[in-house]
Amino acid sequence: MITVLNVDDQRLTPCLPHRAWREVNRARAVWVNPQTIKLLYNPFLFQDYRKAALKRDSCTCLWCHAIVCF
């Protein structure tokens, strides 16, 4: 598992190596050390967008098609 830090150096939920590489390759994160990446954006700024999209899509996740009501 790869440790994930946000822009304020707070620890977030760890992720798998392939997801860490995806974030780095898309220029959304940088490697701090071999087991840690630091995001270059604040993922919590997108919470309202996610809620609006779920409401629009009848609480259905775009990726897994699960019902995700909050």
PDB file of N, CA and C in Angstrom:
ATOM      1  N   MET A   1       0.834  -1.178   0.000  1.00  0.00           N
ATOM      2  CA  MET A   1       0.000   0.000   0.000  1.00  0.00           C
ATOM      3  C   MET A   1       0.882   1.247   0.000  1.00  0.00           C
ATOM      4  N   ILE A   2       0.389   2.262  -0.675  1.00  0.00           N
ATOM      5  CA  ILE A   2       1.110   3.527  -0.795  1.00  0.00           C
ATOM      6  C   ILE A   2       0.423   4.563   0.088  1.00  0.00           C
ATOM      7  N   THR A   3       1.196   5.248   0.913  1.00  0.00           N
ATOM      8  CA  THR A   3       0.666   6.317   1.757  1.00  0.00           C
ATOM      9  C   THR A   3       0.368   7.525   0.886  1.00  0.00           C
ATOM     10  N   VAL A   4      -0.770   8.176   1.139  1.00  0.00           N
ATOM     11  CA  VAL A   4      -1.179   9.341   0.359  1.00  0.00           C
ATOM     12  C   VAL A   4      -1.272  10.548   1.286  1.00  0.00           C
ATOM     13  N   LEU A   5      -0.620  11.635   0.888  1.00  0.00           N
ATOM     14  CA  LEU A   5      -0.697  12.896   1.617  1.00  0.00           C
ATOM     15  C   LEU A   5      -1.429  13.913   0.755  1.00  0.00           C
ATOM     16  N   ASN A   6      -2.193  14.802   1.401  1.00  0.00           N
ATOM     17  CA  ASN A   6      -2.815  15.874   0.617  1.00  0.00           C
ATOM     18  C   ASN A   6      -1.876  17.074   0.574  1.00  0.00           C
ATOM     19  N   VAL A   7      -2.328  18.181   0.024  1.00  0.00           N
ATOM     20  CA  VAL A   7      -1.462  19.354  -0.133  1.00  0.00           C
ATOM     21  C   VAL A   7      -1.027  19.936   1.201  1.00  0.00           C
ATOM     22  N   ASP A   8      -1.773  19.635   2.275  1.00  0.00           N
ATOM     23  CA  ASP A   8      -1.429  20.124   3.616  1.00  0.00           C
ATOM     24  C   ASP A   8      -0.668  19.083   4.430  1.00  0.00           C
ATOM     25  N   ASP A   9      -0.172  18.045   3.775  1.00  0.00           N
ATOM     26  CA  ASP A   9       0.583  16.951   4.394  1.00  0.00           C
ATOM     27  C   ASP A   9      -0.230  16.131   5.394  1.00  0.00           C
ATOM     28  N   GLN A  10      -1.550  16.134   5.261  1.00  0.00           N
ATOM     29  CA  GLN A  10      -2.387  15.258   6.077  1.00  0.00           C
ATOM     30  C   GLN A  10      -2.460  13.902   5.396  1.00  0.00           C
ATOM     31  N   ARG A  11      -2.453  12.833   6.209  1.00  0.00           N
ATOM     32  CA  ARG A  11      -2.553  11.481   5.658  1.00  0.00           C
ATOM     33  C   ARG A  11      -3.982  11.207   5.224  1.00  0.00           C
ATOM     34  N   LEU A  12      -4.108  10.646   4.047  1.00  0.00           N
ATOM     35  CA  LEU A  12      -5.403  10.222   3.516  1.00  0.00           C
ATOM     36  C   LEU A  12      -5.424   8.704   3.458  1.00  0.00           C
ATOM     37  N   THR A  13      -6.473   8.162   2.909  1.00  0.00           N
ATOM     38  CA  THR A  13      -6.589   6.720   2.776  1.00  0.00           C
ATOM     39  C   THR A  13      -5.489   6.194   1.855  1.00  0.00           C
ATOM     40  N   PRO A  14      -4.758   5.163   2.270  1.00  0.00           N
ATOM     41  CA  PRO A  14      -3.708   4.597   1.408  1.00  0.00           C
ATOM     42  C   PRO A  14      -4.305   4.026   0.124  1.00  0.00           C
ATOM     43  N   CYS A  15      -3.479   3.902  -0.894  1.00  0.00           N
ATOM     44  CA  CYS A  15      -3.957   3.353  -2.162  1.00  0.00           C
ATOM     45  C   CYS A  15      -2.982   2.286  -2.663  1.00  0.00           C
ATOM     46  N   LEU A  16      -3.409   1.585  -3.683  1.00  0.00           N
ATOM     47  CA  LEU A  16      -2.567   0.565  -4.302  1.00  0.00           C
ATOM     48  C   LEU A  16      -1.540   1.234  -5.219  1.00  0.00           C
ATOM     49  N   PRO A  17      -0.423   0.576  -5.468  1.00  0.00           N
ATOM     50  CA  PRO A  17       0.633   1.169  -6.304  1.00  0.00           C
ATOM     51  C   PRO A  17       0.165   1.612  -7.687  1.00  0.00           C
ATOM     52  N   HIS A  18      -0.717   0.841  -8.342  1.00  0.00           N
ATOM     53  CA  HIS A  18      -1.134   1.243  -9.691  1.00  0.00           C
ATOM     54  C   HIS A  18      -1.942   2.549  -9.657  1.00  0.00           C
ATOM     55  N   ARG A  19      -2.685   2.781  -8.597  1.00  0.00           N
ATOM     56  CA  ARG A  19      -3.418   4.049  -8.489  1.00  0.00           C
ATOM     57  C   ARG A  19      -2.466   5.206  -8.213  1.00  0.00           C
ATOM     58  N   ALA A  20      -1.460   4.959  -7.397  1.00  0.00           N
ATOM     59  CA  ALA A  20      -0.466   6.002  -7.124  1.00  0.00           C
ATOM     60  C   ALA A  20       0.248   6.397  -8.415  1.00  0.00           C
ATOM     61  N   TRP A  21       0.656   5.397  -9.190  1.00  0.00           N
ATOM     62  CA  TRP A  21       1.316   5.696 -10.463  1.00  0.00           C
ATOM     63  C   TRP A  21       0.402   6.463 -11.408  1.00  0.00           C
ATOM     64  N   ARG A  22      -0.878   6.122 -11.409  1.00  0.00           N
ATOM     65  CA  ARG A  22      -1.829   6.828 -12.276  1.00  0.00           C
ATOM     66  C   ARG A  22      -1.907   8.300 -11.902  1.00  0.00           C
ATOM     67  N   GLU A  23      -1.971   8.597 -10.606  1.00  0.00           N
ATOM     68  CA  GLU A  23      -2.020   9.997 -10.163  1.00  0.00           C
ATOM     69  C   GLU A  23      -0.734  10.742 -10.541  1.00  0.00           C
ATOM     70  N   VAL A  24       0.402  10.089 -10.371  1.00  0.00           N
ATOM     71  CA  VAL A  24       1.689  10.709 -10.728  1.00  0.00           C
ATOM     72  C   VAL A  24       1.783  10.912 -12.233  1.00  0.00           C
ATOM     73  N   ASN A  25       1.413   9.922 -13.013  1.00  0.00           N
ATOM     74  CA  ASN A  25       1.478  10.034 -14.477  1.00  0.00           C
ATOM     75  C   ASN A  25       0.543  11.099 -15.022  1.00  0.00           C
ATOM     76  N   ARG A  26      -0.549  11.360 -14.328  1.00  0.00           N
ATOM     77  CA  ARG A  26      -1.487  12.403 -14.751  1.00  0.00           C
ATOM     78  C   ARG A  26      -1.150  13.763 -14.151  1.00  0.00           C
ATOM     79  N   ALA A  27       0.025  13.876 -13.536  1.00  0.00           N
ATOM     80  CA  ALA A  27       0.529  15.127 -12.951  1.00  0.00           C
ATOM     81  C   ALA A  27      -0.378  15.658 -11.844  1.00  0.00           C
ATOM     82  N   ARG A  28      -1.017  14.735 -11.115  1.00  0.00           N
ATOM     83  CA  ARG A  28      -1.865  15.138  -9.996  1.00  0.00           C
ATOM     84  C   ARG A  28      -1.211  14.828  -8.654  1.00  0.00           C
ATOM     85  N   ALA A  29      -0.021  14.200  -8.702  1.00  0.00           N
ATOM     86  CA  ALA A  29       0.700  13.854  -7.474  1.00  0.00           C
ATOM     87  C   ALA A  29       2.190  13.729  -7.783  1.00  0.00           C
ATOM     88  N   VAL A  30       2.985  13.761  -6.723  1.00  0.00           N
ATOM     89  CA  VAL A  30       4.434  13.568  -6.858  1.00  0.00           C
ATOM     90  C   VAL A  30       4.875  12.547  -5.813  1.00  0.00           C
ATOM     91  N   TRP A  31       5.942  11.828  -6.121  1.00  0.00           N
ATOM     92  CA  TRP A  31       6.498  10.872  -5.168  1.00  0.00           C
ATOM     93  C   TRP A  31       7.293  11.625  -4.121  1.00  0.00           C
ATOM     94  N   VAL A  32       7.046  11.338  -2.840  1.00  0.00           N
ATOM     95  CA  VAL A  32       7.811  11.904  -1.730  1.00  0.00           C
ATOM     96  C   VAL A  32       8.943  10.949  -1.376  1.00  0.00           C
ATOM     97  N   ASN A  33       8.617   9.665  -1.348  1.00  0.00           N
ATOM     98  CA  ASN A  33       9.585   8.592  -1.160  1.00  0.00           C
ATOM     99  C   ASN A  33       8.977   7.350  -1.820  1.00  0.00           C
ATOM    100  N   PRO A  34       9.646   6.216  -1.830  1.00  0.00           N
ATOM    101  CA  PRO A  34       9.110   5.045  -2.548  1.00  0.00           C
ATOM    102  C   PRO A  34       7.759   4.529  -2.045  1.00  0.00           C
ATOM    103  N   GLN A  35       7.342   4.905  -0.866  1.00  0.00           N
ATOM    104  CA  GLN A  35       6.075   4.421  -0.319  1.00  0.00           C
ATOM    105  C   GLN A  35       5.041   5.519  -0.095  1.00  0.00           C
ATOM    106  N   THR A  36       5.317   6.749  -0.565  1.00  0.00           N
ATOM    107  CA  THR A  36       4.428   7.881  -0.285  1.00  0.00           C
ATOM    108  C   THR A  36       4.302   8.791  -1.493  1.00  0.00           C
ATOM    109  N   ILE A  37       3.056   9.202  -1.783  1.00  0.00           N
ATOM    110  CA  ILE A  37       2.832  10.244  -2.787  1.00  0.00           C
ATOM    111  C   ILE A  37       2.142  11.426  -2.107  1.00  0.00           C
ATOM    112  N   LYS A  38       2.321  12.590  -2.710  1.00  0.00           N
ATOM    113  CA  LYS A  38       1.660  13.797  -2.222  1.00  0.00           C
ATOM    114  C   LYS A  38       0.799  14.348  -3.349  1.00  0.00           C
ATOM    115  N   LEU A  39      -0.486  14.498  -3.068  1.00  0.00           N
ATOM    116  CA  LEU A  39      -1.396  15.046  -4.068  1.00  0.00           C
ATOM    117  C   LEU A  39      -1.122  16.530  -4.260  1.00  0.00           C
ATOM    118  N   LEU A  40      -1.300  16.999  -5.472  1.00  0.00           N
ATOM    119  CA  LEU A  40      -1.077  18.410  -5.784  1.00  0.00           C
ATOM    120  C   LEU A  40      -2.384  19.197  -5.806  1.00  0.00           C
ATOM    121  N   TYR A  41      -3.445  18.573  -5.342  1.00  0.00           N
ATOM    122  CA  TYR A  41      -4.751  19.225  -5.267  1.00  0.00           C
ATOM    123  C   TYR A  41      -5.439  18.760  -3.996  1.00  0.00           C
ATOM    124  N   ASN A  42      -6.486  19.439  -3.611  1.00  0.00           N
ATOM    125  CA  ASN A  42      -7.243  19.061  -2.425  1.00  0.00           C
ATOM    126  C   ASN A  42      -8.479  18.276  -2.857  1.00  0.00           C
ATOM    127  N   PRO A  43      -8.516  16.969  -2.625  1.00  0.00           N
ATOM    128  CA  PRO A  43      -9.647  16.171  -3.092  1.00  0.00           C
ATOM    129  C   PRO A  43     -10.964  16.543  -2.424  1.00  0.00           C
ATOM    130  N   PHE A  44     -10.912  17.189  -1.271  1.00  0.00           N
ATOM    131  CA  PHE A  44     -12.134  17.547  -0.561  1.00  0.00           C
ATOM    132  C   PHE A  44     -12.861  18.719  -1.206  1.00  0.00           C
ATOM    133  N   LEU A  45     -12.216  19.413  -2.126  1.00  0.00           N
ATOM    134  CA  LEU A  45     -12.885  20.508  -2.840  1.00  0.00           C
ATOM    135  C   LEU A  45     -13.921  19.984  -3.829  1.00  0.00           C
ATOM    136  N   PHE A  46     -13.876  18.687  -4.145  1.00  0.00           N
ATOM    137  CA  PHE A  46     -14.766  18.100  -5.136  1.00  0.00           C
ATOM    138  C   PHE A  46     -15.959  17.375  -4.522  1.00  0.00           C
ATOM    139  N   GLN A  47     -16.167  17.485  -3.197  1.00  0.00           N
ATOM    140  CA  GLN A  47     -17.260  16.781  -2.540  1.00  0.00           C
ATOM    141  C   GLN A  47     -18.621  17.242  -3.049  1.00  0.00           C
ATOM    142  N   ASP A  48     -18.802  18.544  -3.210  1.00  0.00           N
ATOM    143  CA  ASP A  48     -20.089  19.055  -3.673  1.00  0.00           C
ATOM    144  C   ASP A  48     -20.391  18.599  -5.095  1.00  0.00           C
ATOM    145  N   TYR A  49     -19.367  18.568  -5.943  1.00  0.00           N
ATOM    146  CA  TYR A  49     -19.543  18.097  -7.308  1.00  0.00           C
ATOM    147  C   TYR A  49     -19.976  16.636  -7.318  1.00  0.00           C
ATOM    148  N   ARG A  50     -19.329  15.817  -6.478  1.00  0.00           N
ATOM    149  CA  ARG A  50     -19.664  14.389  -6.410  1.00  0.00           C
ATOM    150  C   ARG A  50     -21.108  14.196  -5.960  1.00  0.00           C
ATOM    151  N   LYS A  51     -21.534  14.935  -4.939  1.00  0.00           N
ATOM    152  CA  LYS A  51     -22.913  14.812  -4.452  1.00  0.00           C
ATOM    153  C   LYS A  51     -23.908  15.233  -5.526  1.00  0.00           C
ATOM    154  N   ALA A  52     -23.596  16.310  -6.255  1.00  0.00           N
ATOM    155  CA  ALA A  52     -24.497  16.774  -7.316  1.00  0.00           C
ATOM    156  C   ALA A  52     -24.583  15.740  -8.444  1.00  0.00           C
ATOM    157  N   ALA A  53     -23.450  15.133  -8.790  1.00  0.00           N
ATOM    158  CA  ALA A  53     -23.449  14.127  -9.853  1.00  0.00           C
ATOM    159  C   ALA A  53     -24.236  12.890  -9.428  1.00  0.00           C
ATOM    160  N   LEU A  54     -24.085  12.472  -8.179  1.00  0.00           N
ATOM    161  CA  LEU A  54     -24.842  11.306  -7.707  1.00  0.00           C
ATOM    162  C   LEU A  54     -26.337  11.603  -7.681  1.00  0.00           C
ATOM    163  N   LYS A  55     -26.693  12.810  -7.283  1.00  0.00           N
ATOM    164  CA  LYS A  55     -28.109  13.180  -7.274  1.00  0.00           C
ATOM    165  C   LYS A  55     -28.663  13.177  -8.700  1.00  0.00           C
ATOM    166  N   ARG A  56     -27.891  13.715  -9.617  1.00  0.00           N
ATOM    167  CA  ARG A  56     -28.302  13.757 -11.014  1.00  0.00           C
ATOM    168  C   ARG A  56     -28.481  12.357 -11.590  1.00  0.00           C
ATOM    169  N   ASP A  57     -27.615  11.430 -11.181  1.00  0.00           N
ATOM    170  CA  ASP A  57     -27.614  10.071 -11.725  1.00  0.00           C
ATOM    171  C   ASP A  57     -28.390   9.088 -10.853  1.00  0.00           C
ATOM    172  N   SER A  58     -29.332   9.581 -10.067  1.00  0.00           N
ATOM    173  CA  SER A  58     -30.172   8.743  -9.194  1.00  0.00           C
ATOM    174  C   SER A  58     -29.343   7.891  -8.242  1.00  0.00           C
ATOM    175  N   CYS A  59     -28.326   8.489  -7.652  1.00  0.00           N
ATOM    176  CA  CYS A  59     -27.456   7.832  -6.656  1.00  0.00           C
ATOM    177  C   CYS A  59     -26.722   6.619  -7.213  1.00  0.00           C
ATOM    178  N   THR A  60     -26.426   6.600  -8.504  1.00  0.00           N
ATOM    179  CA  THR A  60     -25.709   5.484  -9.123  1.00  0.00           C
ATOM    180  C   THR A  60     -24.268   5.909  -9.419  1.00  0.00           C
ATOM    181  N   CYS A  61     -23.327   5.106  -8.946  1.00  0.00           N
ATOM    182  CA  CYS A  61     -21.909   5.375  -9.178  1.00  0.00           C
ATOM    183  C   CYS A  61     -21.589   5.227 -10.660  1.00  0.00           C
ATOM    184  N   LEU A  62     -20.871   6.182 -11.210  1.00  0.00           N
ATOM    185  CA  LEU A  62     -20.515   6.175 -12.625  1.00  0.00           C
ATOM    186  C   LEU A  62     -19.606   4.994 -12.974  1.00  0.00           C
ATOM    187  N   TRP A  63     -18.711   4.612 -12.052  1.00  0.00           N
ATOM    188  CA  TRP A  63     -17.719   3.596 -12.356  1.00  0.00           C
ATOM    189  C   TRP A  63     -18.203   2.176 -12.062  1.00  0.00           C
ATOM    190  N   CYS A  64     -18.806   1.969 -10.890  1.00  0.00           N
ATOM    191  CA  CYS A  64     -19.178   0.592 -10.531  1.00  0.00           C
ATOM    192  C   CYS A  64     -20.683   0.335 -10.644  1.00  0.00           C
ATOM    193  N   HIS A  65     -21.462   1.343 -10.911  1.00  0.00           N
ATOM    194  CA  HIS A  65     -22.919   1.263 -11.080  1.00  0.00           C
ATOM    195  C   HIS A  65     -23.649   0.805  -9.811  1.00  0.00           C
ATOM    196  N   ALA A  66     -22.983   0.943  -8.673  1.00  0.00           N
ATOM    197  CA  ALA A  66     -23.632   0.611  -7.402  1.00  0.00           C
ATOM    198  C   ALA A  66     -24.527   1.783  -6.971  1.00  0.00           C
ATOM    199  N   ILE A  67     -25.535   1.475  -6.191  1.00  0.00           N
ATOM    200  CA  ILE A  67     -26.395   2.516  -5.638  1.00  0.00           C
ATOM    201  C   ILE A  67     -25.666   3.099  -4.421  1.00  0.00           C
ATOM    202  N   VAL A  68     -25.377   4.399  -4.464  1.00  0.00           N
ATOM    203  CA  VAL A  68     -24.582   5.054  -3.429  1.00  0.00           C
ATOM    204  C   VAL A  68     -25.350   6.284  -2.937  1.00  0.00           C
ATOM    205  N   CYS A  69     -26.305   6.099  -2.076  1.00  0.00           N
ATOM    206  CA  CYS A  69     -27.051   7.240  -1.536  1.00  0.00           C
ATOM    207  C   CYS A  69     -26.369   7.716  -0.261  1.00  0.00           C
ATOM    208  N   PHE A  70     -26.421   9.013  -0.039  1.00  0.00           N
ATOM    209  CA  PHE A  70     -25.759   9.583   1.134  1.00  0.00           C
ATOM    210  C   PHE A  70     -26.754  10.221   2.043  1.00  0.00           C
TER     211      PHE A  70
END
